[in-house]
Protein backbone atom coordinates (compact mmCIF):
# COMPACT_ATOMS: atom_id res chain seq x y z
CA MET A 1 49.65 38.80 -88.92
CA LYS A 2 47.26 40.87 -90.97
CA LEU A 3 44.67 38.06 -91.03
CA SER A 4 44.87 37.54 -87.27
CA PHE A 5 44.34 41.28 -86.69
CA ILE A 6 41.23 41.21 -88.89
CA LEU A 7 39.90 38.18 -87.02
CA VAL A 8 40.48 39.86 -83.65
CA LEU A 9 38.74 43.00 -84.89
CA PHE A 10 35.84 40.88 -86.18
CA PHE A 11 35.36 39.07 -82.87
CA VAL A 12 35.63 42.33 -80.89
CA THR A 13 32.95 43.88 -83.14
CA VAL A 14 30.69 40.84 -82.85
CA SER A 15 31.19 40.81 -79.08
CA ALA A 16 30.31 44.50 -78.82
CA GLN A 17 27.22 44.01 -80.94
CA SER A 18 26.10 41.02 -78.89
CA LYS A 19 26.24 43.08 -75.72
CA ASN A 20 23.97 45.65 -77.29
CA ASP A 21 21.55 43.19 -78.90
CA LEU A 22 18.84 41.19 -77.19
CA ASN A 23 19.34 37.45 -77.40
CA SER A 24 16.47 35.09 -78.22
CA GLU A 25 15.70 34.35 -74.55
CA GLU A 26 15.58 38.03 -73.66
CA LYS A 27 13.30 38.75 -76.61
CA GLU A 28 10.97 35.92 -75.67
CA TYR A 29 10.87 37.10 -72.06
CA ILE A 30 10.22 40.78 -72.80
CA SER A 31 7.50 39.86 -75.31
CA LYS A 32 5.37 38.61 -72.41
CA PHE A 33 4.99 42.21 -71.26
CA ILE A 34 4.20 43.76 -74.64
CA TYR A 35 0.80 44.90 -75.90
CA PRO A 36 0.85 45.84 -79.62
CA ILE A 37 -0.96 48.99 -80.75
CA LYS A 38 -2.35 48.84 -84.26
CA THR A 39 -2.56 52.55 -85.06
CA ILE A 40 -1.78 56.05 -83.82
CA ASN A 41 -4.82 57.49 -85.61
CA PRO A 42 -7.16 59.28 -83.16
CA ASP A 43 -10.05 58.77 -85.58
CA GLU A 44 -9.81 54.96 -85.36
CA ARG A 45 -13.15 53.59 -84.20
CA ASP A 46 -12.01 50.08 -83.31
CA ASN A 47 -10.34 50.53 -79.92
CA SER A 48 -9.91 46.85 -79.11
CA ASP A 49 -6.13 47.35 -78.96
CA LEU A 50 -6.62 49.93 -76.19
CA LEU A 51 -8.71 47.71 -73.93
CA ILE A 52 -5.50 46.79 -72.11
CA LEU A 53 -5.54 50.33 -70.69
CA ASN A 54 -8.45 49.28 -68.47
CA LYS A 55 -6.16 46.80 -66.73
CA LEU A 56 -3.01 48.93 -66.72
CA ILE A 57 -4.67 52.06 -65.38
CA GLY A 58 -7.13 50.34 -63.05
CA ASN A 59 -8.77 52.81 -60.68
CA SER A 60 -6.03 55.45 -60.90
CA LYS A 61 -7.38 58.95 -61.29
CA ILE A 62 -4.28 60.67 -62.66
CA VAL A 63 -2.63 59.39 -65.85
CA GLY A 64 0.61 60.93 -67.10
CA LEU A 65 1.36 60.78 -70.84
CA GLY A 66 4.90 61.73 -71.77
CA GLU A 67 6.81 62.60 -74.93
CA SER A 68 10.45 62.13 -75.85
CA THR A 69 10.44 65.29 -77.99
CA HIS A 70 8.03 68.20 -78.14
CA GLY A 71 7.63 67.83 -81.90
CA SER A 72 6.75 64.25 -82.90
CA SER A 73 3.46 63.88 -84.77
CA GLU A 74 3.09 60.17 -83.99
CA ILE A 75 3.55 60.69 -80.27
CA TYR A 76 0.97 63.48 -80.10
CA GLN A 77 -1.54 61.59 -82.23
CA LEU A 78 -1.26 58.51 -80.02
CA LYS A 79 -1.47 60.60 -76.85
CA TYR A 80 -4.65 62.16 -78.15
CA ARG A 81 -6.04 58.78 -79.23
CA ILE A 82 -5.39 57.42 -75.73
CA SER A 83 -6.89 60.57 -74.19
CA GLU A 84 -10.05 60.17 -76.27
CA TYR A 85 -10.32 56.58 -75.08
CA LEU A 86 -9.86 57.57 -71.42
CA ILE A 87 -12.48 60.29 -71.72
CA THR A 88 -14.98 58.08 -73.55
CA HIS A 89 -14.50 54.79 -71.69
CA LYS A 90 -12.82 55.59 -68.35
CA ASN A 91 -14.69 58.79 -67.39
CA PHE A 92 -11.63 61.05 -67.40
CA ASN A 93 -12.91 64.61 -67.42
CA ILE A 94 -9.79 66.83 -67.38
CA PHE A 95 -7.15 67.04 -70.08
CA SER A 96 -4.21 69.08 -68.83
CA LEU A 97 -1.18 70.24 -70.79
CA GLU A 98 2.34 71.49 -70.01
CA ALA A 99 1.18 75.00 -70.85
CA ASN A 100 0.52 78.17 -68.88
CA MET A 101 -2.59 77.68 -66.77
CA PRO A 102 -4.48 80.99 -67.28
CA GLU A 103 -3.99 81.02 -71.06
CA SER A 104 -5.04 77.37 -71.32
CA PHE A 105 -8.27 78.13 -69.47
CA LEU A 106 -9.32 80.20 -72.49
CA MET A 107 -9.31 76.97 -74.51
CA ASN A 108 -11.56 75.46 -71.90
CA GLN A 109 -14.04 78.26 -72.57
CA TYR A 110 -13.85 77.42 -76.27
CA ILE A 111 -14.56 73.68 -75.91
CA GLN A 112 -17.39 74.27 -73.43
CA GLU A 113 -18.91 77.60 -74.46
CA LYS A 114 -17.59 78.09 -78.03
CA LYS A 115 -15.90 81.33 -76.95
CA GLY A 116 -12.96 82.55 -79.01
CA ASP A 117 -10.95 81.11 -81.89
CA PRO A 118 -8.92 77.96 -81.13
CA ARG A 119 -6.03 78.91 -83.43
CA SER A 120 -5.66 82.28 -81.71
CA ILE A 121 -5.91 80.66 -78.29
CA LEU A 122 -3.17 78.14 -79.17
CA LYS A 123 -1.00 81.01 -80.37
CA GLY A 124 -1.67 82.83 -77.10
CA MET A 125 -0.28 79.86 -75.17
CA TYR A 126 3.21 81.22 -76.08
CA PHE A 127 5.02 78.13 -77.35
CA TRP A 128 4.83 76.66 -80.85
CA LEU A 129 4.63 73.14 -79.44
CA TRP A 130 0.82 73.05 -79.44
CA GLN A 131 0.26 75.28 -82.47
CA THR A 132 -0.15 72.16 -84.56
CA GLU A 133 -2.77 70.39 -86.62
CA GLU A 134 -2.59 67.45 -84.19
CA THR A 135 -3.56 69.58 -81.18
CA LEU A 136 -6.19 71.57 -83.07
CA HIS A 137 -7.80 68.31 -84.21
CA PHE A 138 -7.96 67.11 -80.60
CA VAL A 139 -9.38 70.41 -79.36
CA GLU A 140 -12.17 70.18 -81.92
CA TRP A 141 -12.84 66.61 -80.82
CA LEU A 142 -13.19 67.80 -77.21
CA LYS A 143 -15.65 70.51 -78.23
CA LYS A 144 -17.71 68.04 -80.26
CA TYR A 145 -17.66 65.50 -77.42
CA ASN A 146 -19.01 68.08 -74.98
CA GLU A 147 -21.73 69.01 -77.46
CA ASN A 148 -22.78 65.45 -78.27
CA TYR A 149 -22.79 64.09 -74.75
CA ASN A 150 -23.71 67.25 -72.86
CA SER A 151 -20.55 66.60 -70.88
CA LYS A 152 -18.17 68.68 -68.88
CA VAL A 153 -14.71 67.71 -70.08
CA PHE A 154 -12.22 70.42 -69.18
CA PHE A 155 -9.10 71.64 -70.97
CA GLU A 156 -6.49 72.99 -68.54
CA GLY A 157 -2.83 73.91 -68.28
CA PHE A 158 -0.62 73.49 -65.23
CA ASP A 159 2.45 75.64 -65.97
CA MET A 160 3.36 79.09 -64.64
CA GLN A 161 6.15 80.45 -66.84
CA TYR A 162 4.33 83.73 -67.49
CA ALA A 163 2.28 86.06 -65.27
CA LYS A 164 0.48 88.12 -67.93
CA GLY A 165 -2.51 85.81 -68.42
CA ALA A 166 -3.12 85.62 -64.68
CA VAL A 167 -2.92 89.40 -64.32
CA ASP A 168 -5.31 89.91 -67.25
CA GLN A 169 -7.88 87.49 -65.82
CA ILE A 170 -7.62 89.04 -62.35
CA ARG A 171 -8.16 92.49 -63.87
CA LYS A 172 -11.26 91.20 -65.70
CA VAL A 173 -12.76 90.03 -62.38
CA TYR A 174 -12.00 93.45 -60.87
CA GLN A 175 -13.80 95.15 -63.74
CA GLU A 176 -16.82 92.81 -63.59
CA ASN A 177 -17.16 93.46 -59.84
CA ASN A 178 -16.45 97.21 -60.09
CA PHE A 179 -13.39 96.96 -57.84
CA PRO A 180 -10.87 99.86 -58.07
CA GLU A 181 -8.07 98.73 -60.41
CA GLN A 182 -5.20 100.57 -58.72
CA GLU A 183 -4.12 97.39 -56.92
CA ILE A 184 -3.75 95.63 -60.29
CA ASN A 185 -1.86 98.59 -61.74
CA ASN A 186 0.50 98.55 -58.77
CA LEU A 187 1.01 94.80 -59.14
CA GLU A 188 1.92 95.14 -62.83
CA ILE A 189 4.42 97.90 -62.03
CA ALA A 190 5.98 95.78 -59.26
CA LEU A 191 6.26 92.75 -61.56
CA LYS A 192 8.03 94.86 -64.17
CA GLU A 193 10.29 96.87 -61.86
CA ASN A 194 11.49 93.92 -59.79
CA ASN A 195 12.20 91.60 -62.70
CA ARG A 196 15.97 91.17 -63.12
CA GLY A 197 15.48 88.88 -66.11
CA PHE A 198 13.30 85.98 -67.17
CA ARG A 199 12.26 83.94 -64.09
CA THR A 200 14.49 86.04 -61.81
CA TYR A 201 13.13 87.96 -58.84
CA SER A 202 15.17 88.84 -55.76
CA LYS A 203 13.92 88.03 -52.27
CA LYS A 204 13.22 91.73 -51.82
CA GLY A 205 11.28 91.84 -55.08
CA GLN A 206 9.31 88.73 -54.16
CA LYS A 207 8.38 90.30 -50.82
CA ALA A 208 7.16 93.50 -52.46
CA ILE A 209 5.02 91.62 -54.97
CA SER A 210 3.69 89.27 -52.29
CA GLU A 211 2.23 92.26 -50.45
CA TYR A 212 0.14 93.10 -53.49
CA LEU A 213 -0.90 89.45 -53.84
CA LEU A 214 -2.13 89.51 -50.24
CA LEU A 215 -4.37 92.48 -51.08
CA LEU A 216 -5.81 90.53 -54.00
CA LYS A 217 -6.57 87.53 -51.79
CA GLN A 218 -8.42 89.80 -49.38
CA LYS A 219 -10.46 91.18 -52.27
CA ALA A 220 -11.56 87.63 -53.17
CA ALA A 221 -13.90 87.60 -50.17
CA SER A 222 -16.14 90.05 -52.05
CA ILE A 223 -16.50 87.85 -55.15
CA LYS A 224 -19.95 86.26 -55.03
CA ASN A 225 -19.59 83.63 -57.76
CA GLN A 226 -17.82 80.65 -56.16
CA GLU A 227 -16.27 79.28 -59.36
CA GLU A 228 -15.01 82.73 -60.26
CA LYS A 229 -13.55 83.17 -56.77
CA VAL A 230 -11.70 79.83 -56.87
CA ARG A 231 -10.20 80.61 -60.29
CA PHE A 232 -9.32 84.14 -59.15
CA LEU A 233 -7.36 82.80 -56.17
CA GLN A 234 -5.59 80.26 -58.37
CA ASN A 235 -4.48 83.04 -60.71
CA VAL A 236 -3.08 84.86 -57.69
CA ASP A 237 -1.19 81.68 -56.82
CA ILE A 238 0.12 81.37 -60.39
CA ILE A 239 1.75 84.79 -59.94
CA ARG A 240 3.19 83.67 -56.58
CA GLN A 241 4.70 80.62 -58.30
CA TYR A 242 5.97 82.73 -61.19
CA ILE A 243 7.98 85.10 -59.01
CA GLN A 244 9.55 82.18 -57.12
CA LEU A 245 10.28 80.19 -60.26
CA ASN A 246 13.47 78.26 -60.88
CA PHE A 247 14.25 75.02 -62.72
CA ILE A 248 13.49 72.68 -59.80
CA ARG A 249 10.59 74.62 -58.31
CA ARG A 250 8.79 74.63 -61.65
CA ASP A 251 8.14 70.87 -61.48
CA LYS A 252 6.94 71.04 -57.89
CA PHE A 253 4.66 73.96 -58.75
CA MET A 254 3.24 72.04 -61.72
CA ALA A 255 2.40 69.16 -59.37
CA GLU A 256 0.69 71.63 -57.01
CA ASN A 257 -1.43 72.82 -59.93
CA ILE A 258 -2.36 69.25 -60.88
CA LYS A 259 -3.48 68.76 -57.28
CA TRP A 260 -5.54 71.96 -57.55
CA LEU A 261 -7.23 70.65 -60.72
CA LYS A 262 -8.05 67.37 -59.01
CA GLU A 263 -9.49 69.07 -55.94
CA ASN A 264 -11.49 71.75 -57.74
CA HIS A 265 -13.33 69.72 -60.35
CA LEU A 266 -16.19 67.42 -59.43
CA ASN A 267 -15.38 63.68 -59.66
CA SER A 268 -12.09 64.57 -61.28
CA LYS A 269 -9.94 62.17 -63.29
CA VAL A 270 -6.97 63.94 -64.84
CA ILE A 271 -4.87 63.31 -67.95
CA VAL A 272 -1.47 64.99 -67.60
CA SER A 273 0.39 65.62 -70.88
CA ALA A 274 4.03 66.72 -70.64
CA HIS A 275 7.57 65.80 -71.57
CA ASN A 276 8.89 62.46 -70.31
CA TYR A 277 11.24 64.36 -68.02
CA HIS A 278 8.36 66.04 -66.19
CA ILE A 279 6.04 63.05 -65.72
CA ALA A 280 8.88 60.77 -64.49
CA LYS A 281 8.56 59.51 -60.91
CA LEU A 282 12.22 58.95 -60.13
CA ASN A 283 13.65 62.15 -58.63
CA SER A 284 12.37 65.05 -56.53
CA ASP A 285 13.13 67.50 -59.35
CA ARG A 286 10.37 65.90 -61.45
CA MET A 287 6.68 66.78 -61.44
CA GLY A 288 5.78 63.07 -61.53
CA TYR A 289 7.65 62.50 -58.26
CA TRP A 290 5.54 65.15 -56.52
CA ILE A 291 2.27 63.94 -58.04
CA ASN A 292 3.17 60.47 -56.81
CA GLU A 293 3.78 61.89 -53.33
CA ILE A 294 0.16 63.07 -53.26
CA ASP A 295 -1.11 59.50 -53.64
CA ASP A 296 0.96 56.81 -55.32
CA THR A 297 -2.10 54.64 -55.99
CA ASP A 298 -3.74 57.48 -57.87
CA PHE A 299 -0.99 58.17 -60.44
CA VAL A 300 0.25 55.98 -63.28
CA ASN A 301 2.45 57.22 -66.09
CA PHE A 302 3.39 56.28 -69.65
CA GLY A 303 6.75 57.33 -71.07
CA PHE A 304 7.13 57.52 -74.85
CA ALA A 305 10.03 56.48 -77.08
CA PHE A 306 10.79 56.26 -80.79
CA TYR A 307 13.59 54.68 -82.83
CA GLU A 308 14.21 57.08 -85.73
CA GLY A 309 12.74 59.78 -87.92
CA THR A 310 12.13 63.52 -87.86
CA TYR A 311 10.54 65.98 -85.45
CA SER A 312 9.73 69.68 -85.16
CA ALA A 313 12.12 71.76 -83.09
CA SER A 314 13.39 75.28 -82.57
CA ILE A 315 17.06 76.15 -83.05
CA ASP A 316 18.29 79.73 -82.63
CA GLY A 317 14.71 80.95 -82.84
CA LYS A 318 14.03 79.12 -86.10
CA ILE A 319 11.25 76.53 -86.01
CA GLY A 320 11.56 73.73 -88.51
CA THR A 321 11.88 70.02 -89.21
CA TYR A 322 15.00 68.23 -88.03
CA ASN A 323 16.37 64.72 -88.27
CA SER A 324 16.48 62.81 -85.02
CA GLU A 325 19.49 60.75 -84.04
CA THR A 326 18.71 57.15 -85.00
CA ALA A 327 18.86 55.01 -81.86
CA ARG A 328 22.28 53.39 -81.76
CA PRO A 329 23.42 50.12 -80.15
CA GLY A 330 23.33 50.44 -76.38
CA THR A 331 20.16 52.56 -76.28
CA LEU A 332 16.82 51.32 -75.04
CA GLU A 333 15.16 52.31 -78.30
CA TYR A 334 17.66 50.23 -80.31
CA LYS A 335 16.85 47.14 -78.26
CA LEU A 336 13.10 47.65 -78.47
CA ASN A 337 13.24 48.22 -82.21
CA SER A 338 14.89 44.80 -82.63
CA LEU A 339 11.59 43.21 -81.56
CA ASN A 340 10.11 44.25 -84.93
CA ILE A 341 6.80 45.42 -83.47
CA PRO A 342 6.04 48.91 -84.87
CA ILE A 343 4.03 50.29 -81.93
CA PHE A 344 3.45 48.78 -78.50
CA ILE A 345 2.96 49.33 -74.79
CA LEU A 346 5.57 47.78 -72.51
CA ASP A 347 4.52 46.94 -68.94
CA LEU A 348 7.54 48.10 -66.92
CA LYS A 349 5.65 47.77 -63.65
CA ALA A 350 5.14 44.04 -64.22
CA ILE A 351 8.80 43.56 -65.21
CA ARG A 352 9.86 45.26 -61.97
CA ARG A 353 7.61 42.97 -59.96
CA ASP A 354 8.84 39.87 -61.77
CA GLY A 355 12.53 40.65 -61.19
CA ASN A 356 13.69 38.03 -63.69
CA LYS A 357 17.36 38.25 -64.72
CA LEU A 358 16.28 38.16 -68.39
CA GLY A 359 14.82 41.62 -67.88
CA HIS A 360 17.78 43.05 -65.96
CA TRP A 361 18.87 45.22 -68.90
CA ILE A 362 15.71 47.31 -68.74
CA LEU A 363 15.74 47.59 -64.94
CA GLU A 364 19.15 49.26 -64.92
CA ASP A 365 20.29 52.68 -66.12
CA ILE A 366 20.26 52.72 -69.92
CA LEU A 367 20.70 55.29 -72.68
CA PHE A 368 17.28 56.81 -73.44
CA ARG A 369 16.21 59.65 -75.74
CA LYS A 370 15.65 62.99 -74.02
CA THR A 371 15.02 65.81 -76.47
CA GLY A 372 12.82 68.78 -75.70
CA SER A 373 11.81 71.64 -77.98
CA GLY A 374 15.30 72.08 -79.43
CA THR A 375 18.02 69.67 -80.48
CA ASP A 376 21.00 68.24 -78.65
CA LYS A 377 24.32 66.96 -79.94
CA ASN A 378 23.67 63.81 -77.98
CA GLU A 379 19.98 63.04 -77.69
CA PHE A 380 20.46 60.06 -75.37
CA LEU A 381 21.17 60.16 -71.64
CA LYS A 382 21.58 57.41 -69.04
CA THR A 383 18.18 56.99 -67.41
CA ASN A 384 16.53 54.48 -65.12
CA VAL A 385 13.47 54.10 -67.31
CA ALA A 386 11.89 51.31 -65.24
CA LYS A 387 11.88 53.48 -62.10
CA SER A 388 10.76 56.56 -63.99
CA PHE A 389 7.68 55.10 -65.67
CA ASP A 390 5.06 52.45 -65.03
CA TYR A 391 4.65 51.82 -68.76
CA LEU A 392 6.53 52.73 -71.92
CA ILE A 393 4.99 53.29 -75.34
CA PHE A 394 7.37 52.58 -78.23
CA ILE A 395 6.91 53.89 -81.77
CA ASN A 396 9.42 52.85 -84.39
CA MET A 397 9.12 55.91 -86.66
CA SER A 398 8.58 59.60 -85.87
CA THR A 399 7.69 62.39 -88.26
CA ASN A 400 7.55 66.08 -87.46
CA SER A 401 4.40 67.56 -85.94
CA LYS A 402 2.37 69.59 -88.45
CA LEU A 403 2.65 73.27 -87.62
CA LEU A 404 -0.39 75.45 -88.23
CA ASN A 405 -0.22 78.13 -90.90
CA GLY A 406 1.31 81.30 -89.59
CA ILE A 407 4.02 79.57 -87.54
CA SER A 408 7.36 80.68 -88.96
CA LYS A 409 9.66 77.85 -89.98
């Protein structure tokens, strides 16, 4: 009786494992859509492993690069390596980040005009996520690239979670043009008095602030410098978005700002760097969905995934290094790790087109890592990865992003 129970338990365990493992046919099939990447190192000079990007991206002018956490060094390094390739070989001229737009524009002034200190600018972008050695290294590369090639590559943000930077830049334009500043003073008072809490303005409060924003728009007609005028009006719009902000609207607003970047830079080709959740195309609460609505032939996206390791995160206000949940049987990352290829690009778009039953497991909802700037008890959620992304980049091991000195751990 005891032996039979053990045998039953053994076969149940084996059966459960087999359902979660890829069989030899499935591995052989999926391997047809895999392009190995030899290194994450942005300083690598041999980019032969990235030539496949020419085919995958084609003529698309907006490329989304995701991240499964906000604190994985390997993911950021590879994103920056890919970005350097796109800038150098595919004529992409805008790198945009999931950061507040006005504050990010100060970094643009650094990489093009050497104004300011990059560490201070990163700190002024509010979140610790980009106050890292990985991002600073990329920023310096952008500055050097502009110097060496006399180019105009832009650094931009597309978020609107704060109004202060927009107000400060609007005030600066007022001062440079000798406009009376009372309108700005009134706007700041209205923003403060009508704020019922972070991201919370009543309809009445929104209406009161909108009246001040209308006055600012009227003032724009007197700004002679066209570039300054366009940026001025966009800062006004950032405040409009800020006072209307909620969880769903944020993604739609971010897509609006990507559209603005594309329309207001000459011959624009835009790299969009954000969390996997935001660049995903699947649902109307995602930025990627709204970017895709602009022109679905213009936007391709790459989700990112890793199997195990550590990452930087913030818990209860404390920033530090945390262990990730190792991908367990039943997750996408577990299946991909079984292929024993450390880093690769997976062509989900081609698998969707092919529709072969051997790839059914990746075309359906599957557990997939979704961790942001904190930690979750369960890092994996059911996701239709194949409908969310055109391509997926898998990295077997993650380590924590390297925080700059002065960031409290």
